Every structure is written in structure tokens, then in C-alpha cells.
Amino acid sequence: MDKIAKDVGDIQSRLLDHRPIINGEVRYFVREFEEKRGHRESRLLDNLNKMVSETNEQILPTDLGGMLSDVVKRLEAANHMAERVQQRELEAQQSMQLQVNMERLKDNWAEFLKEQQRLKEEVNEEHAKAVGQLTTEYSEKKKDLTKFSLL
């Protein structure tokens, strides 16, 4: 029974324990990386690190607070100009709307005046007809009155 347990333990360690294989692969990879490439990547990374450090020292200003306040001032100025542009656009849009409304009102007023003129002419015609009818009626009555008064 001990022998079976030992065999089962060996089989389990071979099937489930991959550490020896992984360790071998890691050693092989490190040996290939270090020997064949000769620390080339390491030197490249060191050179890159030096270049970045030099660039940071040369390009970046030491007074970041002053630079940030300058950037903030410029952003505020840009925001102010953008607000003014928006305000002008809004005023122009309102002005255009006002002009359109004024034109529409002028057209409506002209149409209203035409309609009033037409109605005035109709009333004048009706009045002239009524005056004509009354004149003829009263002239007939006057004739009749003169006939009856002569009798």
C-alpha cells in the first residue's frame, strides 16, 4: 500500500506540479536573453533613461507654478473671448430674428392697409348708392308733395 501511495504521489507531482519545468524554461530564457543579446536591451534602456533625464532637465522649466498661472490666465482669456463671440452671435441671431419680425409686421401692416382701403371703397360705394337712392326717393316725394300742394 505504501508503494501505491508513493507511486500515486509521484504521478500527482509529475502531472500537477509544473515548477521544475517552469524553472527550467525560465533559466533557458534568461540564459538566451543574457548570453545571446549581450545585455543589449539593458544598455538601451539605460541610454533611454539618461536621454529622458537630460530632456527633463533641459526642457521642463523649474518654475511650474509661474507656468501654470500663465496657462490659467491664457485659458481665462480664451474663455472670455469665446463668451464674447457667443454673445455677439446671439445678438446677431436676435437682430436677424428682429429684422425678420419687422419685415413680417411691415408686410402685415401693408396688407391691413390694403384691406382697409378696399373696405373704405366698399363703404363709399354703398354710401354713394344709399345717397343716390335717398336722393331719388326724396326727389320723387318732393314731386309728389308738389303735386299734392298744387291741388
Protein backbone atom coordinates (compact mmCIF):
# COMPACT_ATOMS: atom_id res chain seq x y z
CA MET A 1 0.00 0.00 0.00
CA ASP A 2 2.87 2.38 0.77
CA LYS A 3 4.28 1.67 -2.62
CA ILE A 4 0.98 2.53 -4.29
CA ALA A 5 0.69 5.79 -2.29
CA LYS A 6 4.25 6.67 -3.26
CA ASP A 7 3.53 5.92 -6.93
CA VAL A 8 0.32 7.96 -6.79
CA GLY A 9 2.25 10.84 -5.15
CA ASP A 10 4.92 10.66 -7.87
CA ILE A 11 2.30 10.60 -10.61
CA GLN A 12 0.46 13.53 -8.99
CA SER A 13 3.62 15.59 -8.66
CA ARG A 14 4.54 14.92 -12.28
CA LEU A 15 1.06 15.73 -13.57
CA LEU A 16 0.14 18.68 -11.38
CA ASP A 17 3.42 20.19 -10.19
CA HIS A 18 4.89 22.20 -13.06
CA ARG A 19 7.53 24.05 -11.05
CA PRO A 20 10.52 22.06 -12.28
CA ILE A 21 9.51 22.53 -15.93
CA ILE A 22 8.77 26.22 -15.47
CA ASN A 23 12.05 26.77 -13.64
CA GLY A 24 13.91 25.10 -16.49
CA GLU A 25 12.14 27.27 -19.05
CA VAL A 26 12.88 30.43 -17.08
CA ARG A 27 16.57 29.52 -16.79
CA TYR A 28 16.71 28.81 -20.52
CA PHE A 29 15.02 32.13 -21.34
CA VAL A 30 17.34 34.10 -19.04
CA ARG A 31 20.42 32.36 -20.45
CA GLU A 32 19.27 33.08 -24.04
CA PHE A 33 18.40 36.66 -23.20
CA GLU A 34 21.64 37.43 -21.38
CA GLU A 35 24.10 35.45 -23.45
CA LYS A 36 22.87 35.91 -26.98
CA ARG A 37 21.82 39.52 -26.71
CA GLY A 38 24.71 40.53 -24.50
CA HIS A 39 22.70 42.85 -22.26
CA ARG A 40 21.86 44.92 -25.30
CA GLU A 41 18.33 45.74 -24.07
CA SER A 42 19.66 46.69 -20.67
CA ARG A 43 22.13 49.14 -22.25
CA LEU A 44 19.40 50.53 -24.50
CA LEU A 45 17.11 51.07 -21.53
CA ASP A 46 19.91 52.81 -19.60
CA ASN A 47 20.62 55.10 -22.55
CA LEU A 48 16.95 55.89 -22.90
CA ASN A 49 16.72 56.67 -19.20
CA LYS A 50 19.69 59.07 -19.49
CA MET A 51 18.13 60.80 -22.52
CA VAL A 52 14.81 61.25 -20.75
CA SER A 53 16.53 62.66 -17.66
CA GLU A 54 18.55 65.12 -19.76
CA THR A 55 15.46 66.16 -21.70
CA ASN A 56 13.53 66.74 -18.48
CA GLU A 57 16.33 68.90 -17.12
CA GLN A 58 16.71 70.94 -20.31
CA ILE A 59 13.11 71.37 -21.44
CA LEU A 60 10.97 71.45 -18.32
CA PRO A 61 11.06 74.82 -16.58
CA THR A 62 11.90 74.85 -12.93
CA ASP A 63 9.07 77.28 -12.12
CA LEU A 64 5.98 75.20 -12.82
CA GLY A 65 3.78 77.46 -10.65
CA GLY A 66 4.51 80.50 -12.83
CA MET A 67 3.96 78.49 -15.96
CA LEU A 68 0.65 77.12 -14.65
CA SER A 69 -0.59 80.58 -13.67
CA ASP A 70 0.31 81.82 -17.16
CA VAL A 71 -1.60 78.92 -18.70
CA VAL A 72 -4.57 79.62 -16.45
CA LYS A 73 -4.56 83.30 -17.46
CA ARG A 74 -4.45 82.37 -21.12
CA LEU A 75 -7.28 79.89 -20.67
CA GLU A 76 -9.36 82.53 -18.89
CA ALA A 77 -8.68 84.99 -21.70
CA ALA A 78 -9.66 82.37 -24.27
CA ASN A 79 -12.84 81.60 -22.35
CA HIS A 80 -13.67 85.30 -22.15
CA MET A 81 -13.16 85.72 -25.90
CA ALA A 82 -15.29 82.64 -26.60
CA GLU A 83 -18.06 84.06 -24.41
CA ARG A 84 -17.89 87.37 -26.28
CA VAL A 85 -18.11 85.55 -29.61
CA GLN A 86 -21.10 83.60 -28.36
CA GLN A 87 -22.72 86.80 -27.10
CA ARG A 88 -22.18 88.52 -30.45
CA GLU A 89 -23.59 85.51 -32.27
CA LEU A 90 -26.62 85.52 -30.01
CA GLU A 91 -27.12 89.26 -30.54
CA ALA A 92 -26.77 88.84 -34.30
CA GLN A 93 -29.24 85.97 -34.23
CA GLN A 94 -31.68 88.04 -32.19
CA SER A 95 -31.12 91.00 -34.50
CA MET A 96 -31.82 88.82 -37.52
CA GLN A 97 -34.96 87.49 -35.81
CA LEU A 98 -35.98 91.06 -35.02
CA GLN A 99 -35.46 92.09 -38.64
CA VAL A 100 -37.49 89.12 -39.85
CA ASN A 101 -40.25 90.01 -37.41
CA MET A 102 -40.15 93.66 -38.51
CA GLU A 103 -40.41 92.65 -42.18
CA ARG A 104 -43.31 90.35 -41.37
CA LEU A 105 -45.03 93.14 -39.42
CA LYS A 106 -44.48 95.58 -42.30
CA ASP A 107 -45.99 93.08 -44.72
CA ASN A 108 -48.92 92.50 -42.37
CA TRP A 109 -49.40 96.26 -41.98
CA ALA A 110 -49.32 96.83 -45.75
CA GLU A 111 -51.88 94.05 -46.20
CA PHE A 112 -54.01 95.54 -43.44
CA LEU A 113 -53.90 98.98 -45.10
CA LYS A 114 -54.91 97.46 -48.45
CA GLU A 115 -57.80 95.67 -46.80
CA GLN A 116 -58.87 98.88 -45.05
CA GLN A 117 -58.69 100.78 -48.36
CA ARG A 118 -60.83 98.12 -50.04
CA LEU A 119 -63.36 98.24 -47.20
CA LYS A 120 -63.37 102.05 -47.34
CA GLU A 121 -64.12 101.93 -51.07
CA GLU A 122 -66.93 99.44 -50.46
CA VAL A 123 -68.41 101.66 -47.76
CA ASN A 124 -68.08 104.73 -50.00
CA GLU A 125 -69.80 102.86 -52.85
CA GLU A 126 -72.59 101.71 -50.55
CA HIS A 127 -72.89 105.24 -49.18
CA ALA A 128 -72.98 106.69 -52.70
CA LYS A 129 -75.68 104.17 -53.67
CA ALA A 130 -77.64 104.93 -50.50
CA VAL A 131 -77.30 108.67 -51.12
CA GLY A 132 -78.40 108.15 -54.73
CA GLN A 133 -81.39 106.08 -53.64
CA LEU A 134 -82.35 108.57 -50.95
CA THR A 135 -81.92 111.45 -53.38
CA THR A 136 -84.18 109.79 -55.94
CA GLU A 137 -86.64 108.81 -53.24
CA TYR A 138 -86.77 112.31 -51.80
CA SER A 139 -86.94 113.90 -55.24
CA GLU A 140 -89.95 111.65 -56.02
CA LYS A 141 -91.52 112.57 -52.70
CA LYS A 142 -90.84 116.22 -53.43
CA LYS A 143 -92.57 115.82 -56.79
CA ASP A 144 -95.42 114.06 -55.10
CA LEU A 145 -95.55 116.79 -52.49
CA THR A 146 -95.58 119.48 -55.13
CA LYS A 147 -98.41 117.64 -56.92
CA PHE A 148 -100.43 117.42 -53.74
CA SER A 149 -99.72 121.00 -52.78
CA LEU A 150 -100.80 122.30 -56.16
CA LEU A 151 -104.04 120.57 -55.91
